[in-house]
Amino acid sequence: MRVLIVGNGGREHALAWKLLQSPQVQQIICVPGNGGTATLERCRNLPLNVDDFEGIARFAFVNNVGLIVVGPEVPLALGITDYLQEKELKVFGPTRAGAQIESSKAWAKALMEAANIPTAKAAVFTTEAAAKAYVRSEGVPIVIKADGLAAGKGVTVADTVEAADTAIAACFEGQYGSAGDQVVIEECLTGQEVSILAVTDGLTIRPLLPVQDHKRIGDGDTGENTGGMGAYAPAPMVTEAVMGRIQTEILEPAIAALQNRNIDYRGVLYAGLMITPAGDPKVIEFNCRFGDPETQALMPLLDTPIDKLMVACANQTLESFPEIQWKSGTAACVVVASGGYPGSYLRKLEITGIEQAEKESVVFHAGTQLRNQKLITDGGRVLGVSAIGETFDQAFDLAYAAVNAIQFEGMYYRRDIGHRVRAVGSSPN
């Protein structure tokens, strides 16, 4: 089977790497891919844009592609699955209607309220004055969210009224484009955040291992929000009992609510949760695709052939699919970013040390390109360095040792990824 993957990030490299481990997968085509996918055996990059639906469909049809996997949220929100399905192509990823669960936070909130899914109290605003007045009536801390897709950067946890006002103004003044035309304001939940990525065929839904991401740019979870600076799995705060509640109180009601809206949702439903101090899971947000960097922590642990899992979702046969199998141990992923990220940063800087880093880890490429047989930077988050260990300390020691082998001008990474699960006093080399 040939598989076409839409996207060019670390998530897509990790999916390609995992899919190629299946004897059923003969070739991967990445659209447009990155420097890492360019160097995988039996993998090629195709220089098309992720929104070139016609070009992707034409290539898939002519080259007998058996499955198309859509990585990023933007093409899903634009309706790539609808277009490809009309051409009778098999797709892993929800339709445009289903992708609203990520592309509109207001829409997702309405769905959660209708399904009695536990989540933060929220209100939706279309004017700056009304939003600011609400903040004053509710008090701080409070969470300000641009309603639409803002590449993970449209959320502010405001500890002061002034910070909330600034975040609201940024939305309505166009900092996030049309994503800020509406603003969702939520109560600030406390506890530990965790990501639950679940696969679904629209009828049955099965969670993968729980993962904890690190969104802030700085050590100690300080500074601006990013797309994610590192992750580990399985997240121990999600006990078997908590996972049972997540399944029955969140995942199954979400799929039922989508069915009630006549939405045939096949792909990944990603629940970003807060586990409160009382141990209760509450939804912070839903996403319509694999997480990044969560996927880079999950794929090294997954033992079940992912191609078979994806095909079962696309064919709506997940109910009869065997239990998902996992390798023993733990996985750690440390993201290496360009200096200045999530603000402005330089590109086209040569990267060295990958071969040395991969002796005891796997390096997933995100913002890279292969030019004249040299790897260069081409994004804010450049690499995700993942390792497996019997313990979190061992996994992170291996990951950080690999990070230390990599070099490019201005490279930056957090030195405390996994601080919640590592031994007291443990630190990267």
Protein backbone atom coordinates (compact mmCIF):
# COMPACT_ATOMS: atom_id res chain seq x y z
CA MET A 1 0.00 0.00 0.00
CA ARG A 2 1.11 3.53 -0.78
CA VAL A 3 0.28 6.13 1.87
CA LEU A 4 0.21 9.88 1.26
CA ILE A 5 0.74 12.12 4.30
CA VAL A 6 -0.32 15.77 4.13
CA GLY A 7 1.91 18.09 6.19
CA ASN A 8 5.52 19.07 6.82
CA GLY A 9 6.04 18.96 10.59
CA GLY A 10 7.46 16.69 13.25
CA ARG A 11 4.10 14.97 13.60
CA GLU A 12 4.13 14.00 9.92
CA HIS A 13 7.73 12.75 10.08
CA ALA A 14 6.82 10.60 13.11
CA LEU A 15 3.78 9.17 11.33
CA ALA A 16 5.82 8.41 8.20
CA TRP A 17 8.54 6.75 10.32
CA LYS A 18 5.95 4.58 12.05
CA LEU A 19 4.01 3.69 8.92
CA LEU A 20 7.19 2.52 7.19
CA GLN A 21 7.66 -0.11 9.92
CA SER A 22 4.63 -1.96 8.56
CA PRO A 23 5.32 -4.66 5.95
CA GLN A 24 2.06 -3.61 4.26
CA VAL A 25 3.36 -0.11 3.47
CA GLN A 26 5.56 -0.02 0.38
CA GLN A 27 5.98 3.73 0.01
CA ILE A 28 5.19 7.02 1.76
CA ILE A 29 4.61 10.28 -0.09
CA CYS A 30 4.77 13.45 2.03
CA VAL A 31 3.11 16.66 0.84
CA PRO A 32 5.24 18.72 1.09
CA GLY A 33 7.35 16.94 3.74
CA ASN A 34 10.60 18.20 5.29
CA GLY A 35 14.30 17.43 5.50
CA GLY A 36 13.66 14.38 7.65
CA THR A 37 11.06 12.76 5.41
CA ALA A 38 13.37 13.45 2.45
CA THR A 39 15.96 11.10 3.97
CA LEU A 40 13.66 8.20 4.96
CA GLU A 41 13.95 5.07 2.86
CA ARG A 42 10.86 4.39 0.72
CA CYS A 43 9.67 7.94 1.36
CA ARG A 44 9.58 10.87 -1.04
CA ASN A 45 8.50 14.48 -0.77
CA LEU A 46 6.00 15.95 -3.20
CA PRO A 47 6.28 19.75 -3.53
CA LEU A 48 2.59 20.62 -3.39
CA ASN A 49 0.84 22.97 -0.96
CA VAL A 50 -1.36 21.35 1.68
CA ASP A 51 -4.37 23.25 0.27
CA ASP A 52 -3.78 22.03 -3.32
CA PHE A 53 -6.63 19.56 -3.04
CA GLU A 54 -6.86 18.99 -6.79
CA GLY A 55 -3.13 18.27 -7.13
CA ILE A 56 -3.13 15.90 -4.14
CA ALA A 57 -6.18 14.05 -5.44
CA ARG A 58 -4.73 13.75 -8.95
CA PHE A 59 -1.44 12.34 -7.65
CA ALA A 60 -3.19 9.91 -5.31
CA PHE A 61 -5.48 8.62 -8.05
CA VAL A 62 -2.77 8.23 -10.70
CA ASN A 63 -0.31 6.57 -8.28
CA ASN A 64 -2.80 4.19 -6.66
CA VAL A 65 -2.50 5.65 -3.15
CA GLY A 66 -4.38 3.42 -0.71
CA LEU A 67 -4.68 5.86 2.20
CA ILE A 68 -4.32 9.61 2.69
CA VAL A 69 -3.43 10.79 6.20
CA VAL A 70 -4.02 14.48 6.91
CA GLY A 71 -1.69 15.88 9.59
CA PRO A 72 -2.42 19.60 10.13
CA GLU A 73 -5.68 21.22 11.17
CA VAL A 74 -5.78 23.90 8.44
CA PRO A 75 -6.44 21.64 5.43
CA LEU A 76 -8.97 19.68 7.50
CA ALA A 77 -10.78 22.92 8.37
CA LEU A 78 -10.72 23.88 4.68
CA GLY A 79 -12.42 20.62 3.70
CA ILE A 80 -9.65 18.45 2.24
CA THR A 81 -11.34 15.25 3.43
CA ASP A 82 -14.65 16.19 1.81
CA TYR A 83 -12.88 16.89 -1.49
CA LEU A 84 -10.85 13.68 -1.47
CA GLN A 85 -13.78 11.51 -0.44
CA GLU A 86 -15.78 12.89 -3.36
CA LYS A 87 -12.99 11.49 -5.55
CA GLU A 88 -13.48 8.09 -3.83
CA LEU A 89 -10.12 8.26 -2.06
CA LYS A 90 -9.66 6.76 1.42
CA VAL A 91 -8.86 9.41 4.05
CA PHE A 92 -7.83 9.34 7.72
CA GLY A 93 -9.04 12.71 9.02
CA PRO A 94 -12.43 14.32 9.70
CA THR A 95 -14.55 16.29 7.27
CA ARG A 96 -14.83 20.06 7.38
CA ALA A 97 -17.94 19.78 9.56
CA GLY A 98 -16.07 17.60 12.07
CA ALA A 99 -12.99 19.83 12.02
CA GLN A 100 -15.12 22.63 13.47
CA ILE A 101 -14.40 21.03 16.83
CA GLU A 102 -10.98 22.70 16.52
CA SER A 103 -11.54 25.49 14.00
CA SER A 104 -14.20 27.17 16.16
CA LYS A 105 -13.85 27.13 19.94
CA ALA A 106 -17.35 28.59 20.23
CA TRP A 107 -18.77 25.73 18.16
CA ALA A 108 -16.89 23.20 20.28
CA LYS A 109 -18.18 24.80 23.49
CA ALA A 110 -21.75 24.56 22.24
CA LEU A 111 -21.25 20.88 21.41
CA MET A 112 -19.78 20.18 24.88
CA GLU A 113 -22.61 21.97 26.62
CA ALA A 114 -25.21 20.04 24.60
CA ALA A 115 -23.51 16.74 25.50
CA ASN A 116 -22.91 17.63 29.18
CA ILE A 117 -19.17 17.17 28.72
CA PRO A 118 -17.24 18.60 31.71
CA THR A 119 -15.47 21.81 30.69
CA ALA A 120 -14.76 25.34 31.87
CA LYS A 121 -17.55 27.92 32.14
CA ALA A 122 -17.34 30.14 29.07
CA ALA A 123 -18.94 32.98 27.12
CA VAL A 124 -18.55 34.09 23.49
CA PHE A 125 -18.17 37.71 22.35
CA THR A 126 -18.17 39.56 19.04
CA THR A 127 -17.32 43.02 20.43
CA GLU A 128 -14.32 44.24 22.40
CA ALA A 129 -16.37 46.29 24.86
CA ALA A 130 -18.64 43.40 25.86
CA ALA A 131 -15.66 41.07 26.28
CA LYS A 132 -13.82 43.51 28.53
CA ALA A 133 -16.95 44.10 30.60
CA TYR A 134 -17.31 40.34 31.13
CA VAL A 135 -13.74 40.10 32.43
CA ARG A 136 -14.53 42.75 35.03
CA SER A 137 -17.68 40.92 36.11
CA GLU A 138 -15.91 37.55 36.40
CA GLY A 139 -12.51 38.62 37.75
CA VAL A 140 -9.08 37.15 37.13
CA PRO A 141 -7.31 34.84 36.48
CA ILE A 142 -9.27 34.23 33.29
CA VAL A 143 -8.54 32.69 29.88
CA ILE A 144 -8.88 34.63 26.61
CA LYS A 145 -9.08 32.60 23.37
CA ALA A 146 -9.31 33.64 19.75
CA ASP A 147 -12.21 31.58 18.38
CA GLY A 148 -10.52 30.31 15.22
CA LEU A 149 -7.24 28.67 14.25
CA ALA A 150 -4.23 30.67 15.45
CA ALA A 151 -1.42 28.08 15.29
CA GLY A 152 -1.56 27.50 19.04
CA LYS A 153 -0.83 31.14 19.80
CA GLY A 154 -4.30 32.64 20.27
CA VAL A 155 -4.69 31.72 23.96
CA THR A 156 -3.79 33.94 26.93
CA VAL A 157 -4.08 33.03 30.60
CA ALA A 158 -4.53 36.50 32.06
CA ASP A 159 -3.61 37.06 35.72
CA THR A 160 -4.58 40.74 35.62
CA VAL A 161 -7.41 42.73 34.08
CA GLU A 162 -4.82 44.68 32.08
CA ALA A 163 -3.41 41.46 30.60
CA ALA A 164 -6.94 40.32 29.70
CA ASP A 165 -7.68 43.66 28.03
CA THR A 166 -4.49 43.42 25.99
CA ALA A 167 -5.33 39.88 24.86
CA ILE A 168 -8.88 40.87 23.91
CA ALA A 169 -7.65 43.89 21.97
CA ALA A 170 -5.11 41.73 20.12
CA CYS A 171 -7.94 39.50 18.91
CA PHE A 172 -10.27 42.24 17.75
CA GLU A 173 -7.47 44.32 16.24
CA GLY A 174 -6.57 41.49 13.88
CA GLN A 175 -3.40 40.03 15.39
CA TYR A 176 -4.74 36.54 14.62
CA GLY A 177 -6.56 37.47 11.43
CA SER A 178 -10.13 36.23 11.12
CA ALA A 179 -9.48 33.79 13.98
CA GLY A 180 -10.03 36.70 16.37
CA ASP A 181 -13.37 37.86 14.97
CA GLN A 182 -14.97 36.09 17.92
CA VAL A 183 -13.46 35.72 21.38
CA VAL A 184 -14.16 32.92 23.85
CA ILE A 185 -13.56 33.81 27.50
CA GLU A 186 -13.31 30.95 29.99
CA GLU A 187 -12.82 30.39 33.66
CA CYS A 188 -9.25 29.44 34.52
CA LEU A 189 -9.04 25.76 35.45
CA THR A 190 -6.26 24.56 37.74
CA GLY A 191 -4.48 21.23 37.91
CA GLN A 192 -2.32 19.32 35.44
CA GLU A 193 -2.86 19.42 31.71
CA VAL A 194 -2.81 16.19 29.73
CA SER A 195 -3.44 15.26 26.11
CA ILE A 196 -5.65 12.31 25.20
CA LEU A 197 -5.38 11.44 21.51
CA ALA A 198 -8.09 8.99 20.51
CA VAL A 199 -8.74 7.28 17.19
CA THR A 200 -12.30 6.93 15.96
CA ASP A 201 -14.31 5.71 13.00
CA GLY A 202 -17.26 7.89 13.98
CA LEU A 203 -18.95 5.05 15.87
CA THR A 204 -16.28 3.62 18.17
CA ILE A 205 -13.54 5.63 19.87
CA ARG A 206 -10.34 4.31 21.45
CA PRO A 207 -7.82 6.39 23.39
CA LEU A 208 -4.08 6.16 22.90
CA LEU A 209 -1.70 6.50 25.86
CA PRO A 210 -2.04 9.74 27.84
CA VAL A 211 0.64 12.34 27.06
CA GLN A 212 1.75 15.51 28.83
CA ASP A 213 2.92 18.39 26.65
CA HIS A 214 4.84 21.52 27.73
CA LYS A 215 3.32 24.56 26.04
CA ARG A 216 5.34 27.44 27.50
CA ILE A 217 8.61 28.54 25.94
CA GLY A 218 10.55 28.87 29.20
CA ASP A 219 11.79 26.55 31.93
CA GLY A 220 9.39 26.31 34.84
CA ASP A 221 6.45 26.66 32.43
CA THR A 222 7.07 30.39 32.00
CA GLY A 223 6.83 32.76 29.06
CA GLU A 224 4.73 32.68 25.92
CA ASN A 225 2.64 29.77 24.68
CA THR A 226 4.10 27.74 21.82
CA GLY A 227 3.04 24.81 19.68
CA GLY A 228 4.73 22.59 22.30
CA MET A 229 8.31 22.32 23.59
CA GLY A 230 8.36 18.67 24.61
CA ALA A 231 6.25 15.76 25.79
CA TYR A 232 6.31 12.41 27.57
CA ALA A 233 4.15 9.31 27.72
CA PRO A 234 2.43 7.64 29.41
CA ALA A 235 1.38 10.50 31.71
CA PRO A 236 1.06 8.87 35.18
CA MET A 237 -1.56 11.27 36.52
CA VAL A 238 -4.08 9.58 34.23
CA THR A 239 -4.78 6.45 36.21
CA GLU A 240 -6.89 3.59 34.90
CA ALA A 241 -9.85 4.99 36.82
CA VAL A 242 -9.38 8.49 35.38
CA MET A 243 -9.03 7.07 31.86
CA GLY A 244 -12.29 5.22 32.37
CA ARG A 245 -14.01 8.50 33.23
CA ILE A 246 -12.43 10.22 30.23
CA GLN A 247 -13.82 7.48 27.99
CA THR A 248 -17.37 7.58 29.39
CA GLU A 249 -17.70 11.27 30.31
CA ILE A 250 -15.80 12.91 27.43
CA LEU A 251 -14.83 10.77 24.44
CA GLU A 252 -17.99 8.72 23.96
CA PRO A 253 -20.34 11.69 24.56
CA ALA A 254 -18.33 13.76 22.05
CA ILE A 255 -18.71 11.14 19.32
CA ALA A 256 -22.41 10.76 20.15
CA ALA A 257 -22.87 14.55 19.94
CA LEU A 258 -21.16 14.60 16.54
CA GLN A 259 -23.44 11.79 15.36
CA ASN A 260 -26.46 13.78 16.57
CA ARG A 261 -25.32 16.57 14.25
CA ASN A 262 -25.04 14.08 11.36
CA ILE A 263 -21.25 14.42 11.32
CA ASP A 264 -19.34 11.30 10.24
CA TYR A 265 -16.07 11.84 12.13
CA ARG A 266 -13.19 9.50 11.19
CA GLY A 267 -9.64 10.19 12.35
CA VAL A 268 -8.18 11.54 15.59
CA LEU A 269 -10.15 13.32 18.28
CA TYR A 270 -7.62 15.01 20.55
CA ALA A 271 -8.91 16.09 23.94
CA GLY A 272 -6.77 18.64 25.75
CA LEU A 273 -7.74 18.11 29.38
CA MET A 274 -7.15 19.54 32.81
CA ILE A 275 -7.01 17.00 35.63
CA THR A 276 -8.19 19.07 38.57
CA PRO A 277 -6.74 18.76 42.10
CA ALA A 278 -9.81 16.64 42.92
CA GLY A 279 -8.88 14.25 40.09
CA ASP A 280 -11.73 15.30 37.78
CA PRO A 281 -11.01 15.48 34.02
CA LYS A 282 -12.30 18.63 32.28
CA VAL A 283 -11.93 19.61 28.63
CA ILE A 284 -9.80 22.66 27.85
CA GLU A 285 -10.12 22.19 24.09
CA PHE A 286 -10.67 19.63 21.37
CA ASN A 287 -8.43 19.24 18.32
CA CYS A 288 -9.22 17.38 15.12
CA ARG A 289 -5.79 15.80 14.45
CA PHE A 290 -2.71 14.22 15.99
CA GLY A 291 -0.88 16.45 18.47
CA ASP A 292 2.60 17.82 17.90
CA PRO A 293 4.85 16.97 19.83
CA GLU A 294 2.60 14.37 21.48
CA THR A 295 2.80 12.15 18.39
CA GLN A 296 6.61 12.13 18.61
CA ALA A 297 6.31 10.60 22.10
CA LEU A 298 3.55 8.14 21.18
CA MET A 299 4.84 6.61 17.94
CA PRO A 300 8.02 5.07 19.44
CA LEU A 301 5.83 3.27 22.02
CA LEU A 302 3.09 2.06 19.67
CA ASP A 303 3.30 -1.67 18.89
CA THR A 304 0.10 -2.05 16.86
CA PRO A 305 0.67 -1.43 13.12
CA ILE A 306 -0.61 2.11 12.67
CA ASP A 307 -1.62 1.56 9.05
CA LYS A 308 -4.09 -1.12 10.12
CA LEU A 309 -5.47 1.15 12.84
CA MET A 310 -5.96 4.03 10.41
CA VAL A 311 -7.57 1.83 7.77
CA ALA A 312 -9.98 0.45 10.38
CA CYS A 313 -11.02 4.03 11.18
CA ALA A 314 -11.40 4.96 7.52
CA ASN A 315 -13.40 1.76 6.81
CA GLN A 316 -15.52 2.17 9.97
CA THR A 317 -14.48 -1.24 11.37
CA LEU A 318 -12.83 -0.06 14.59
CA GLU A 319 -15.28 -1.90 16.85
CA SER A 320 -13.87 -5.30 15.76
CA PHE A 321 -10.22 -4.15 15.71
CA PRO A 322 -7.94 -5.87 18.28
CA GLU A 323 -6.86 -4.05 21.42
CA ILE A 324 -4.15 -1.46 20.76
CA GLN A 325 -0.75 -2.77 21.88
CA TRP A 326 2.11 -0.74 23.38
CA LYS A 327 5.79 -1.34 24.08
CA SER A 328 6.88 -1.36 27.71
CA GLY A 329 8.71 1.63 29.17
CA THR A 330 8.33 5.35 28.78
CA ALA A 331 8.99 7.86 25.99
CA ALA A 332 10.39 11.38 26.14
CA CYS A 333 10.52 14.05 23.44
CA VAL A 334 12.49 17.32 23.66
CA VAL A 335 11.83 19.99 21.03
CA VAL A 336 14.78 21.95 19.67
CA ALA A 337 13.71 25.39 18.41
CA SER A 338 15.20 28.33 16.59
CA GLY A 339 16.40 31.19 18.77
CA GLY A 340 13.65 33.79 19.03
CA TYR A 341 10.74 31.35 18.65
CA PRO A 342 7.76 31.85 19.12
CA GLY A 343 8.67 35.33 17.85
CA SER A 344 10.89 36.09 14.85
CA TYR A 345 13.81 33.80 14.10
CA LEU A 346 16.43 33.09 11.43
CA ARG A 347 16.14 30.39 8.76
CA LYS A 348 18.55 28.50 6.50
CA LEU A 349 21.03 27.70 9.28
CA GLU A 350 23.00 24.48 8.82
CA ILE A 351 22.23 21.67 11.28
CA THR A 352 24.92 19.17 12.30
CA GLY A 353 25.13 16.23 14.70
CA ILE A 354 21.95 14.36 13.69
CA GLU A 355 23.81 11.10 12.97
CA GLN A 356 25.44 11.18 16.40
CA ALA A 357 22.13 12.07 18.08
CA GLU A 358 20.35 9.11 16.52
CA LYS A 359 22.65 6.48 18.05
CA GLU A 360 20.27 6.04 21.02
CA SER A 361 17.30 8.19 20.04
CA VAL A 362 15.19 9.08 17.02
CA VAL A 363 15.21 12.64 15.69
CA PHE A 364 11.95 13.78 14.12
CA HIS A 365 12.30 16.78 11.81
CA ALA A 366 9.84 19.66 11.90
CA GLY A 367 11.22 22.94 10.53
CA THR A 368 13.97 21.56 8.29
CA GLN A 369 14.84 21.32 4.62
CA LEU A 370 17.41 19.25 2.73
CA ARG A 371 19.38 21.55 0.43
CA ASN A 372 22.42 20.34 -1.54
CA GLN A 373 22.66 17.33 0.82
CA LYS A 374 22.80 19.63 3.84
CA LEU A 375 20.11 19.99 6.50
CA ILE A 376 19.06 23.58 7.19
CA THR A 377 16.53 25.15 9.54
CA ASP A 378 13.19 26.21 8.06
CA GLY A 379 10.88 26.90 10.99
CA GLY A 380 10.43 27.82 14.64
CA ARG A 381 10.31 24.32 16.03
CA VAL A 382 13.13 22.58 14.19
CA LEU A 383 13.50 19.07 15.66
CA GLY A 384 11.86 16.72 18.15
CA VAL A 385 14.33 14.38 19.82
CA SER A 386 12.63 11.26 21.18
CA ALA A 387 13.93 8.37 23.26
CA ILE A 388 12.54 5.34 25.08
CA GLY A 389 13.68 4.21 28.52
CA GLU A 390 12.60 1.88 31.27
CA THR A 391 12.01 4.97 33.43
CA PHE A 392 11.36 8.63 32.69
CA ASP A 393 14.83 9.52 34.02
CA GLN A 394 16.43 7.10 31.58
CA ALA A 395 14.30 8.26 28.64
CA PHE A 396 15.02 11.94 29.28
CA ASP A 397 18.73 11.31 29.89
CA LEU A 398 18.93 9.67 26.47
CA ALA A 399 16.91 12.41 24.81
CA TYR A 400 18.96 15.24 26.31
CA ALA A 401 22.24 13.47 25.49
CA ALA A 402 21.07 13.35 21.87
CA VAL A 403 20.05 17.03 21.96
CA ASN A 404 23.56 17.89 23.16
CA ALA A 405 25.00 16.28 20.00
CA ILE A 406 23.00 18.60 17.72
CA GLN A 407 24.22 22.03 16.70
CA PHE A 408 22.96 25.01 14.76
CA GLU A 409 23.29 28.73 15.36
CA GLY A 410 21.01 30.03 18.12
CA MET A 411 19.36 26.68 18.87
CA TYR A 412 17.13 26.72 21.96
CA TYR A 413 15.43 24.06 24.04
CA ARG A 414 13.87 23.81 27.46
CA ARG A 415 16.07 22.02 29.96
CA ASP A 416 13.27 20.89 32.27
CA ILE A 417 10.95 18.86 30.03
CA GLY A 418 9.47 16.11 32.17
CA HIS A 419 10.13 17.92 35.45
CA ARG A 420 6.86 16.60 36.91
CA VAL A 421 7.89 12.96 36.51
CA ARG A 422 11.67 13.06 36.81
CA ALA A 423 13.44 12.31 40.08
CA VAL A 424 14.11 15.27 42.40
CA GLY A 425 17.44 16.82 41.48
CA SER A 426 17.60 15.11 38.09
CA SER A 427 18.68 17.39 35.29
CA PRO A 428 19.82 17.12 31.67
CA ASN A 429 23.52 16.81 30.91
